[in-house]
Amino acid sequence: MRTNPLNENLVVLGRMYCQLSGLETEFLARGIPYRVLGRAPFFERREIQVLLDYVRLAARLGLAADATSSKLLLSVANTPNRMLSKLMLERTFVLAQSNGYSTREALHSLLGSRSFLTSSQRTRADDLVTFIERLWERITQEAGLNAGDLLEWMVAGLDYYAHFDNYYGKGESSEDRKRAVAYFCSYGRGIGLEPLNFVAHVESLDTTRGVPEKDQILMTTVFRTKGLEFDYVVIPACEEGYMPCLFGSGNTGLRHTGNS
């Protein structure tokens, strides 16, 4: 197990958390213990968990419709936004459970004439169900499928990056999420596991690897370290005109670097 090679108080500072996602993937791949101050590790972020929830839901198509399937459906149904009623989705799954439906049958019941959804919502739900079915086919029928390749296929099929621009507006919030997703896809490809094994791998990740804090490298942003001292400080992407971020002067550092 690798520990902090300096055995000293070391911090990695980014202007934004998105600058740290790439370093997190490298630290995970190389088994270097770290912790993130002020935010969860990038693989626990909502935009990452949604992708994993799509895979989890697809893997449950043949299982009985239950609370877990319903929770996964609600997680993915409106990401990207399909304007599907959460209440109507819940009611559909309650009815499906009472009828002993499988998760697949429950999803397809969203599309029928007896669905609680409106006609326009059923059309958008059809796109969702079709995507999940195709995802299930790839997971179950493509031997040796690399999780990273599947994730990239999902990102393209969902037009995921456009979703962030549409929801958060073009700027820092959107770029932050897009970079995290891109790095996660890269991490998945590098690990080399098949999709379901990769999901289990991510669920078991511990960035600290169980070592004492003194052997963990701290990652955070420059804005969270005022008044703190460290033996060693690493600042990635420290560029003139880009660091520091001066909101008052209009220099918000939203320059596109081509790494998202």
C-alpha atoms as a PDB file:
ATOM      1  CA  MET A   1       0.000   0.000   0.000  1.00  0.00           C
ATOM      2  CA  ARG A   2       1.462   3.337  -1.058  1.00  0.00           C
ATOM      3  CA  THR A   3       1.492   6.226   1.403  1.00  0.00           C
ATOM      4  CA  ASN A   4       2.527   9.856   1.265  1.00  0.00           C
ATOM      5  CA  PRO A   5       6.105   9.611  -0.112  1.00  0.00           C
ATOM      6  CA  LEU A   6       7.106  12.771   1.771  1.00  0.00           C
ATOM      7  CA  ASN A   7       5.525  11.641   5.036  1.00  0.00           C
ATOM      8  CA  GLU A   8       4.833  15.335   5.582  1.00  0.00           C
ATOM      9  CA  ASN A   9       1.820  17.649   5.507  1.00  0.00           C
ATOM     10  CA  LEU A  10       1.134  17.973   1.764  1.00  0.00           C
ATOM     11  CA  VAL A  11      -1.769  19.696   0.020  1.00  0.00           C
ATOM     12  CA  VAL A  12      -2.801  19.862  -3.635  1.00  0.00           C
ATOM     13  CA  LEU A  13      -4.661  23.102  -4.402  1.00  0.00           C
ATOM     14  CA  GLY A  14      -6.903  23.764  -7.367  1.00  0.00           C
ATOM     15  CA  ARG A  15      -8.686  26.968  -8.271  1.00  0.00           C
ATOM     16  CA  MET A  16     -11.813  24.872  -8.834  1.00  0.00           C
ATOM     17  CA  TYR A  17     -12.552  21.332  -7.756  1.00  0.00           C
ATOM     18  CA  CYS A  18     -12.777  20.267 -11.411  1.00  0.00           C
ATOM     19  CA  GLN A  19      -8.997  20.772 -11.650  1.00  0.00           C
ATOM     20  CA  LEU A  20      -8.586  18.000  -9.079  1.00  0.00           C
ATOM     21  CA  SER A  21     -10.701  15.321 -10.799  1.00  0.00           C
ATOM     22  CA  GLY A  22      -7.886  14.293 -13.140  1.00  0.00           C
ATOM     23  CA  LEU A  23      -5.467  14.037 -10.232  1.00  0.00           C
ATOM     24  CA  GLU A  24      -7.999  11.983  -8.294  1.00  0.00           C
ATOM     25  CA  THR A  25      -8.190   9.456 -11.130  1.00  0.00           C
ATOM     26  CA  GLU A  26      -4.396   9.145 -11.142  1.00  0.00           C
ATOM     27  CA  PHE A  27      -4.195   8.772  -7.370  1.00  0.00           C
ATOM     28  CA  LEU A  28      -6.879   6.079  -7.429  1.00  0.00           C
ATOM     29  CA  ALA A  29      -5.175   4.214 -10.261  1.00  0.00           C
ATOM     30  CA  ARG A  30      -1.792   4.363  -8.518  1.00  0.00           C
ATOM     31  CA  GLY A  31      -3.126   3.497  -5.050  1.00  0.00           C
ATOM     32  CA  ILE A  32      -2.047   6.778  -3.429  1.00  0.00           C
ATOM     33  CA  PRO A  33      -4.162   7.641  -0.357  1.00  0.00           C
ATOM     34  CA  TYR A  34      -5.845  11.039  -0.399  1.00  0.00           C
ATOM     35  CA  ARG A  35      -8.871  12.898   0.894  1.00  0.00           C
ATOM     36  CA  VAL A  36     -10.793  15.853  -0.498  1.00  0.00           C
ATOM     37  CA  LEU A  37     -11.541  18.751   1.833  1.00  0.00           C
ATOM     38  CA  GLY A  38     -14.878  20.475   1.295  1.00  0.00           C
ATOM     39  CA  ARG A  39     -16.359  18.093  -1.231  1.00  0.00           C
ATOM     40  CA  ALA A  40     -16.969  14.381  -1.769  1.00  0.00           C
ATOM     41  CA  PRO A  41     -14.563  12.457  -4.039  1.00  0.00           C
ATOM     42  CA  PHE A  42     -15.466  13.069  -7.675  1.00  0.00           C
ATOM     43  CA  PHE A  43     -16.857   9.564  -8.217  1.00  0.00           C
ATOM     44  CA  GLU A  44     -19.522  10.211  -5.564  1.00  0.00           C
ATOM     45  CA  ARG A  45     -20.835  13.310  -7.298  1.00  0.00           C
ATOM     46  CA  ARG A  46     -24.386  13.356  -8.618  1.00  0.00           C
ATOM     47  CA  GLU A  47     -23.406  13.469 -12.293  1.00  0.00           C
ATOM     48  CA  ILE A  48     -21.293  10.331 -11.854  1.00  0.00           C
ATOM     49  CA  GLN A  49     -23.804   8.439  -9.746  1.00  0.00           C
ATOM     50  CA  VAL A  50     -26.521   9.012 -12.352  1.00  0.00           C
ATOM     51  CA  LEU A  51     -24.437   7.186 -14.957  1.00  0.00           C
ATOM     52  CA  LEU A  52     -23.903   4.316 -12.525  1.00  0.00           C
ATOM     53  CA  ASP A  53     -27.619   4.282 -11.684  1.00  0.00           C
ATOM     54  CA  TYR A  54     -28.446   3.816 -15.365  1.00  0.00           C
ATOM     55  CA  VAL A  55     -26.237   0.723 -15.345  1.00  0.00           C
ATOM     56  CA  ARG A  56     -27.714  -0.492 -12.057  1.00  0.00           C
ATOM     57  CA  LEU A  57     -31.262  -0.100 -13.368  1.00  0.00           C
ATOM     58  CA  ALA A  58     -30.491  -1.875 -16.631  1.00  0.00           C
ATOM     59  CA  ALA A  59     -28.983  -4.768 -14.670  1.00  0.00           C
ATOM     60  CA  ARG A  60     -32.276  -5.169 -12.760  1.00  0.00           C
ATOM     61  CA  LEU A  61     -34.596  -5.456 -15.767  1.00  0.00           C
ATOM     62  CA  GLY A  62     -35.170  -9.161 -15.181  1.00  0.00           C
ATOM     63  CA  LEU A  63     -35.710  -8.778 -11.442  1.00  0.00           C
ATOM     64  CA  ALA A  64     -38.964  -8.040  -9.653  1.00  0.00           C
ATOM     65  CA  ALA A  65     -40.015  -4.398  -9.560  1.00  0.00           C
ATOM     66  CA  ASP A  66     -39.253  -3.161  -6.063  1.00  0.00           C
ATOM     67  CA  ALA A  67     -38.258  -0.105  -4.052  1.00  0.00           C
ATOM     68  CA  THR A  68     -34.682  -0.293  -5.335  1.00  0.00           C
ATOM     69  CA  SER A  69     -35.775  -0.290  -8.972  1.00  0.00           C
ATOM     70  CA  SER A  70     -38.138   2.604  -8.286  1.00  0.00           C
ATOM     71  CA  LYS A  71     -35.382   4.610  -6.596  1.00  0.00           C
ATOM     72  CA  LEU A  72     -33.016   4.021  -9.529  1.00  0.00           C
ATOM     73  CA  LEU A  73     -35.692   5.055 -12.020  1.00  0.00           C
ATOM     74  CA  LEU A  74     -36.314   8.307 -10.152  1.00  0.00           C
ATOM     75  CA  SER A  75     -32.560   8.939 -10.121  1.00  0.00           C
ATOM     76  CA  VAL A  76     -32.189   8.742 -13.902  1.00  0.00           C
ATOM     77  CA  ALA A  77     -35.618   9.646 -15.287  1.00  0.00           C
ATOM     78  CA  ASN A  78     -34.998  13.379 -15.596  1.00  0.00           C
ATOM     79  CA  THR A  79     -31.261  13.420 -16.195  1.00  0.00           C
ATOM     80  CA  PRO A  80     -31.186  14.654 -18.855  1.00  0.00           C
ATOM     81  CA  ASN A  81     -34.476  16.448 -18.297  1.00  0.00           C
ATOM     82  CA  ARG A  82     -37.451  14.578 -19.781  1.00  0.00           C
ATOM     83  CA  MET A  83     -40.069  16.438 -17.742  1.00  0.00           C
ATOM     84  CA  LEU A  84     -41.464  13.187 -16.335  1.00  0.00           C
ATOM     85  CA  SER A  85     -43.659  13.450 -13.261  1.00  0.00           C
ATOM     86  CA  LYS A  86     -41.951  11.926 -10.229  1.00  0.00           C
ATOM     87  CA  LEU A  87     -45.330  11.231  -8.631  1.00  0.00           C
ATOM     88  CA  MET A  88     -46.630   9.415 -11.708  1.00  0.00           C
ATOM     89  CA  LEU A  89     -43.465   7.332 -11.958  1.00  0.00           C
ATOM     90  CA  GLU A  90     -43.823   6.328  -8.312  1.00  0.00           C
ATOM     91  CA  ARG A  91     -47.501   5.436  -8.773  1.00  0.00           C
ATOM     92  CA  THR A  92     -46.644   3.284 -11.786  1.00  0.00           C
ATOM     93  CA  PHE A  93     -44.067   1.303  -9.816  1.00  0.00           C
ATOM     94  CA  VAL A  94     -46.406   0.852  -6.844  1.00  0.00           C
ATOM     95  CA  LEU A  95     -48.995  -0.650  -9.204  1.00  0.00           C
ATOM     96  CA  ALA A  96     -46.318  -2.765 -10.903  1.00  0.00           C
ATOM     97  CA  GLN A  97     -45.198  -4.151  -7.557  1.00  0.00           C
ATOM     98  CA  SER A  98     -48.764  -5.039  -6.594  1.00  0.00           C
ATOM     99  CA  ASN A  99     -49.149  -6.904  -9.905  1.00  0.00           C
ATOM    100  CA  GLY A 100     -45.868  -8.780  -9.459  1.00  0.00           C
ATOM    101  CA  TYR A 101     -44.253  -7.197 -12.515  1.00  0.00           C
ATOM    102  CA  SER A 102     -40.566  -7.383 -13.327  1.00  0.00           C
ATOM    103  CA  THR A 103     -38.623  -4.135 -13.555  1.00  0.00           C
ATOM    104  CA  ARG A 104     -38.760  -4.418 -17.354  1.00  0.00           C
ATOM    105  CA  GLU A 105     -42.529  -4.890 -17.305  1.00  0.00           C
ATOM    106  CA  ALA A 106     -42.871  -1.959 -14.912  1.00  0.00           C
ATOM    107  CA  LEU A 107     -40.887   0.301 -17.239  1.00  0.00           C
ATOM    108  CA  HIS A 108     -42.912  -0.751 -20.272  1.00  0.00           C
ATOM    109  CA  SER A 109     -46.130  -0.117 -18.350  1.00  0.00           C
ATOM    110  CA  LEU A 110     -45.133   3.560 -18.437  1.00  0.00           C
ATOM    111  CA  LEU A 111     -45.765   3.495 -22.182  1.00  0.00           C
ATOM    112  CA  GLY A 112     -49.209   1.887 -22.322  1.00  0.00           C
ATOM    113  CA  SER A 113     -52.625   3.509 -22.508  1.00  0.00           C
ATOM    114  CA  ARG A 114     -53.195   2.774 -18.822  1.00  0.00           C
ATOM    115  CA  SER A 115     -50.034   4.632 -17.815  1.00  0.00           C
ATOM    116  CA  PHE A 116     -50.337   7.481 -15.340  1.00  0.00           C
ATOM    117  CA  LEU A 117     -48.188   9.602 -17.670  1.00  0.00           C
ATOM    118  CA  THR A 118     -49.613  12.022 -20.214  1.00  0.00           C
ATOM    119  CA  SER A 119     -49.313  11.287 -23.923  1.00  0.00           C
ATOM    120  CA  SER A 120     -46.360  13.649 -24.370  1.00  0.00           C
ATOM    121  CA  GLN A 121     -44.652  12.222 -21.286  1.00  0.00           C
ATOM    122  CA  ARG A 122     -45.103   8.683 -22.618  1.00  0.00           C
ATOM    123  CA  THR A 123     -43.234   9.690 -25.769  1.00  0.00           C
ATOM    124  CA  ARG A 124     -40.302  10.939 -23.700  1.00  0.00           C
ATOM    125  CA  ALA A 125     -40.520   7.883 -21.435  1.00  0.00           C
ATOM    126  CA  ASP A 126     -40.245   5.700 -24.525  1.00  0.00           C
ATOM    127  CA  ASP A 127     -36.832   7.245 -25.254  1.00  0.00           C
ATOM    128  CA  LEU A 128     -35.769   6.453 -21.682  1.00  0.00           C
ATOM    129  CA  VAL A 129     -36.962   2.849 -21.784  1.00  0.00           C
ATOM    130  CA  THR A 130     -35.386   2.285 -25.203  1.00  0.00           C
ATOM    131  CA  PHE A 131     -32.060   3.582 -23.922  1.00  0.00           C
ATOM    132  CA  ILE A 132     -32.172   1.332 -20.840  1.00  0.00           C
ATOM    133  CA  GLU A 133     -33.043  -1.702 -22.967  1.00  0.00           C
ATOM    134  CA  ARG A 134     -30.122  -0.982 -25.301  1.00  0.00           C
ATOM    135  CA  LEU A 135     -27.883  -0.523 -22.274  1.00  0.00           C
ATOM    136  CA  TRP A 136     -28.999  -3.906 -20.913  1.00  0.00           C
ATOM    137  CA  GLU A 137     -28.227  -5.525 -24.287  1.00  0.00           C
ATOM    138  CA  ARG A 138     -24.701  -4.147 -24.315  1.00  0.00           C
ATOM    139  CA  ILE A 139     -24.044  -5.172 -20.710  1.00  0.00           C
ATOM    140  CA  THR A 140     -25.338  -8.702 -21.128  1.00  0.00           C
ATOM    141  CA  GLN A 141     -24.365  -9.541 -24.699  1.00  0.00           C
ATOM    142  CA  GLU A 142     -20.994  -7.892 -25.361  1.00  0.00           C
ATOM    143  CA  ALA A 143     -18.320 -10.089 -23.816  1.00  0.00           C
ATOM    144  CA  GLY A 144     -15.320  -8.172 -22.523  1.00  0.00           C
ATOM    145  CA  LEU A 145     -17.063  -4.810 -22.787  1.00  0.00           C
ATOM    146  CA  ASN A 146     -14.869  -2.136 -21.184  1.00  0.00           C
ATOM    147  CA  ALA A 147     -16.732   0.018 -18.653  1.00  0.00           C
ATOM    148  CA  GLY A 148     -15.054   3.172 -19.911  1.00  0.00           C
ATOM    149  CA  ASP A 149     -16.186   2.501 -23.474  1.00  0.00           C
ATOM    150  CA  LEU A 150     -19.747   1.909 -22.261  1.00  0.00           C
ATOM    151  CA  LEU A 151     -19.687   5.111 -20.214  1.00  0.00           C
ATOM    152  CA  GLU A 152     -18.580   7.128 -23.227  1.00  0.00           C
ATOM    153  CA  TRP A 153     -21.347   5.532 -25.300  1.00  0.00           C
ATOM    154  CA  MET A 154     -23.834   6.518 -22.594  1.00  0.00           C
ATOM    155  CA  VAL A 155     -22.553  10.088 -22.434  1.00  0.00           C
ATOM    156  CA  ALA A 156     -22.955  10.418 -26.203  1.00  0.00           C
ATOM    157  CA  GLY A 157     -26.355   8.705 -26.302  1.00  0.00           C
ATOM    158  CA  LEU A 158     -27.738  10.874 -23.513  1.00  0.00           C
ATOM    159  CA  ASP A 159     -26.129  14.031 -24.922  1.00  0.00           C
ATOM    160  CA  TYR A 160     -24.951  14.378 -21.362  1.00  0.00           C
ATOM    161  CA  TYR A 161     -22.616  17.336 -21.801  1.00  0.00           C
ATOM    162  CA  ALA A 162     -25.370  19.372 -23.465  1.00  0.00           C
ATOM    163  CA  HIS A 163     -27.564  18.586 -20.457  1.00  0.00           C
ATOM    164  CA  PHE A 164     -25.135  20.388 -18.146  1.00  0.00           C
ATOM    165  CA  ASP A 165     -25.027  23.433 -20.421  1.00  0.00           C
ATOM    166  CA  ASN A 166     -28.825  23.494 -20.621  1.00  0.00           C
ATOM    167  CA  TYR A 167     -29.362  23.019 -16.903  1.00  0.00           C
ATOM    168  CA  TYR A 168     -26.535  25.062 -15.378  1.00  0.00           C
ATOM    169  CA  GLY A 169     -25.758  27.420 -18.242  1.00  0.00           C
ATOM    170  CA  LYS A 170     -22.435  27.552 -20.020  1.00  0.00           C
ATOM    171  CA  GLY A 171     -19.770  28.378 -17.472  1.00  0.00           C
ATOM    172  CA  GLU A 172     -17.949  27.099 -14.435  1.00  0.00           C
ATOM    173  CA  SER A 173     -20.705  24.864 -13.012  1.00  0.00           C
ATOM    174  CA  SER A 174     -21.252  23.098 -16.315  1.00  0.00           C
ATOM    175  CA  GLU A 175     -17.539  22.753 -17.116  1.00  0.00           C
ATOM    176  CA  ASP A 176     -16.860  21.361 -13.650  1.00  0.00           C
ATOM    177  CA  ARG A 177     -19.361  18.562 -14.174  1.00  0.00           C
ATOM    178  CA  LYS A 178     -18.306  17.806 -17.741  1.00  0.00           C
ATOM    179  CA  ARG A 179     -14.675  17.435 -16.708  1.00  0.00           C
ATOM    180  CA  ALA A 180     -15.596  15.134 -13.826  1.00  0.00           C
ATOM    181  CA  VAL A 181     -17.574  12.914 -16.222  1.00  0.00           C
ATOM    182  CA  ALA A 182     -14.759  12.864 -18.793  1.00  0.00           C
ATOM    183  CA  TYR A 183     -12.202  11.873 -16.168  1.00  0.00           C
ATOM    184  CA  PHE A 184     -14.543   9.197 -14.820  1.00  0.00           C
ATOM    185  CA  CYS A 185     -14.886   7.672 -18.303  1.00  0.00           C
ATOM    186  CA  SER A 186     -11.113   7.700 -18.619  1.00  0.00           C
ATOM    187  CA  TYR A 187     -10.749   6.056 -15.219  1.00  0.00           C
ATOM    188  CA  GLY A 188     -13.247   3.364 -16.194  1.00  0.00           C
ATOM    189  CA  ARG A 189     -11.333   2.590 -19.366  1.00  0.00           C
ATOM    190  CA  GLY A 190      -8.027   2.407 -17.519  1.00  0.00           C
ATOM    191  CA  ILE A 191      -9.317   0.034 -14.862  1.00  0.00           C
ATOM    192  CA  GLY A 192     -10.318  -2.389 -17.610  1.00  0.00           C
ATOM    193  CA  LEU A 193     -13.296  -3.990 -15.858  1.00  0.00           C
ATOM    194  CA  GLU A 194     -16.607  -4.992 -17.394  1.00  0.00           C
ATOM    195  CA  PRO A 195     -19.511  -2.672 -16.463  1.00  0.00           C
ATOM    196  CA  LEU A 196     -21.087  -4.525 -13.541  1.00  0.00           C
ATOM    197  CA  ASN A 197     -17.700  -5.342 -12.022  1.00  0.00           C
ATOM    198  CA  PHE A 198     -16.736  -1.703 -12.443  1.00  0.00           C
ATOM    199  CA  VAL A 199     -19.864  -0.556 -10.580  1.00  0.00           C
ATOM    200  CA  ALA A 200     -18.940  -2.877  -7.712  1.00  0.00           C
ATOM    201  CA  HIS A 201     -15.382  -1.538  -7.822  1.00  0.00           C
ATOM    202  CA  VAL A 202     -16.543   2.081  -7.530  1.00  0.00           C
ATOM    203  CA  GLU A 203     -18.860   1.178  -4.646  1.00  0.00           C
ATOM    204  CA  SER A 204     -15.884  -0.256  -2.758  1.00  0.00           C
ATOM    205  CA  LEU A 205     -13.489   2.661  -3.351  1.00  0.00           C
ATOM    206  CA  ASP A 206     -11.888   4.294  -0.320  1.00  0.00           C
ATOM    207  CA  THR A 207      -9.661   7.202  -1.273  1.00  0.00           C
ATOM    208  CA  THR A 208      -7.866   7.076   2.092  1.00  0.00           C
ATOM    209  CA  ARG A 209      -7.075   3.359   1.729  1.00  0.00           C
ATOM    210  CA  GLY A 210      -7.433   3.123   5.513  1.00  0.00           C
ATOM    211  CA  VAL A 211      -4.140   4.851   6.330  1.00  0.00           C
ATOM    212  CA  PRO A 212      -3.677   7.550   9.014  1.00  0.00           C
ATOM    213  CA  GLU A 213      -4.360  11.162   7.993  1.00  0.00           C
ATOM    214  CA  LYS A 214      -0.654  12.004   8.107  1.00  0.00           C
ATOM    215  CA  ASP A 215      -0.125   9.578   5.228  1.00  0.00           C
ATOM    216  CA  GLN A 216      -2.995  10.993   3.165  1.00  0.00           C
ATOM    217  CA  ILE A 217      -2.479  13.759   0.630  1.00  0.00           C
ATOM    218  CA  LEU A 218      -5.045  16.513   1.055  1.00  0.00           C
ATOM    219  CA  MET A 219      -6.822  17.932  -2.004  1.00  0.00           C
ATOM    220  CA  THR A 220      -8.863  21.126  -1.893  1.00  0.00           C
ATOM    221  CA  THR A 221      -9.197  24.575  -3.465  1.00  0.00           C
ATOM    222  CA  VAL A 222      -7.162  27.700  -2.823  1.00  0.00           C
ATOM    223  CA  PHE A 223     -10.265  29.321  -1.343  1.00  0.00           C
ATOM    224  CA  ARG A 224     -10.545  26.830   1.520  1.00  0.00           C
ATOM    225  CA  THR A 225      -6.988  27.139   2.863  1.00  0.00           C
ATOM    226  CA  LYS A 226      -6.830  30.720   4.095  1.00  0.00           C
ATOM    227  CA  GLY A 227      -4.749  30.862   7.263  1.00  0.00           C
ATOM    228  CA  LEU A 228      -3.584  27.236   6.984  1.00  0.00           C
ATOM    229  CA  GLU A 229       0.008  26.093   6.635  1.00  0.00           C
ATOM    230  CA  PHE A 230       1.460  23.046   4.907  1.00  0.00           C
ATOM    231  CA  ASP A 231       4.953  21.661   4.531  1.00  0.00           C
ATOM    232  CA  TYR A 232       4.440  21.176   0.783  1.00  0.00           C
ATOM    233  CA  VAL A 233       1.932  22.761  -1.594  1.00  0.00           C
ATOM    234  CA  VAL A 234       1.234  21.662  -5.189  1.00  0.00           C
ATOM    235  CA  ILE A 235      -0.853  23.944  -7.436  1.00  0.00           C
ATOM    236  CA  PRO A 236      -1.799  22.335 -10.775  1.00  0.00           C
ATOM    237  CA  ALA A 237      -2.553  24.532 -13.809  1.00  0.00           C
ATOM    238  CA  CYS A 238      -1.155  27.642 -12.151  1.00  0.00           C
ATOM    239  CA  GLU A 239      -1.135  29.991 -15.145  1.00  0.00           C
ATOM    240  CA  GLU A 240      -0.654  33.753 -15.355  1.00  0.00           C
ATOM    241  CA  GLY A 241      -4.008  35.384 -15.974  1.00  0.00           C
ATOM    242  CA  TYR A 242      -5.785  32.239 -14.846  1.00  0.00           C
ATOM    243  CA  MET A 243      -4.629  32.017 -11.239  1.00  0.00           C
ATOM    244  CA  PRO A 244      -5.754  33.455  -8.973  1.00  0.00           C
ATOM    245  CA  CYS A 245      -9.426  33.785  -9.788  1.00  0.00           C
ATOM    246  CA  LEU A 246     -10.382  37.439  -9.371  1.00  0.00           C
ATOM    247  CA  PHE A 247     -14.165  37.663  -9.475  1.00  0.00           C
ATOM    248  CA  GLY A 248     -14.121  41.394  -8.758  1.00  0.00           C
ATOM    249  CA  SER A 249     -11.991  42.126 -11.819  1.00  0.00           C
ATOM    250  CA  GLY A 250     -13.981  39.923 -14.147  1.00  0.00           C
ATOM    251  CA  ASN A 251     -11.160  37.377 -14.408  1.00  0.00           C
ATOM    252  CA  THR A 252     -13.241  34.326 -13.508  1.00  0.00           C
ATOM    253  CA  GLY A 253     -10.942  31.881 -15.235  1.00  0.00           C
ATOM    254  CA  LEU A 254     -13.687  30.370 -17.365  1.00  0.00           C
ATOM    255  CA  ARG A 255     -11.346  30.017 -20.275  1.00  0.00           C
ATOM    256  CA  HIS A 256     -11.876  26.719 -22.098  1.00  0.00           C
ATOM    257  CA  THR A 257      -8.679  24.681 -22.002  1.00  0.00           C
ATOM    258  CA  GLY A 258      -9.785  21.770 -24.160  1.00  0.00           C
ATOM    259  CA  ASN A 259      -9.534  19.318 -21.267  1.00  0.00           C
ATOM    260  CA  SER A 260     -13.244  18.941 -20.530  1.00  0.00           C
END
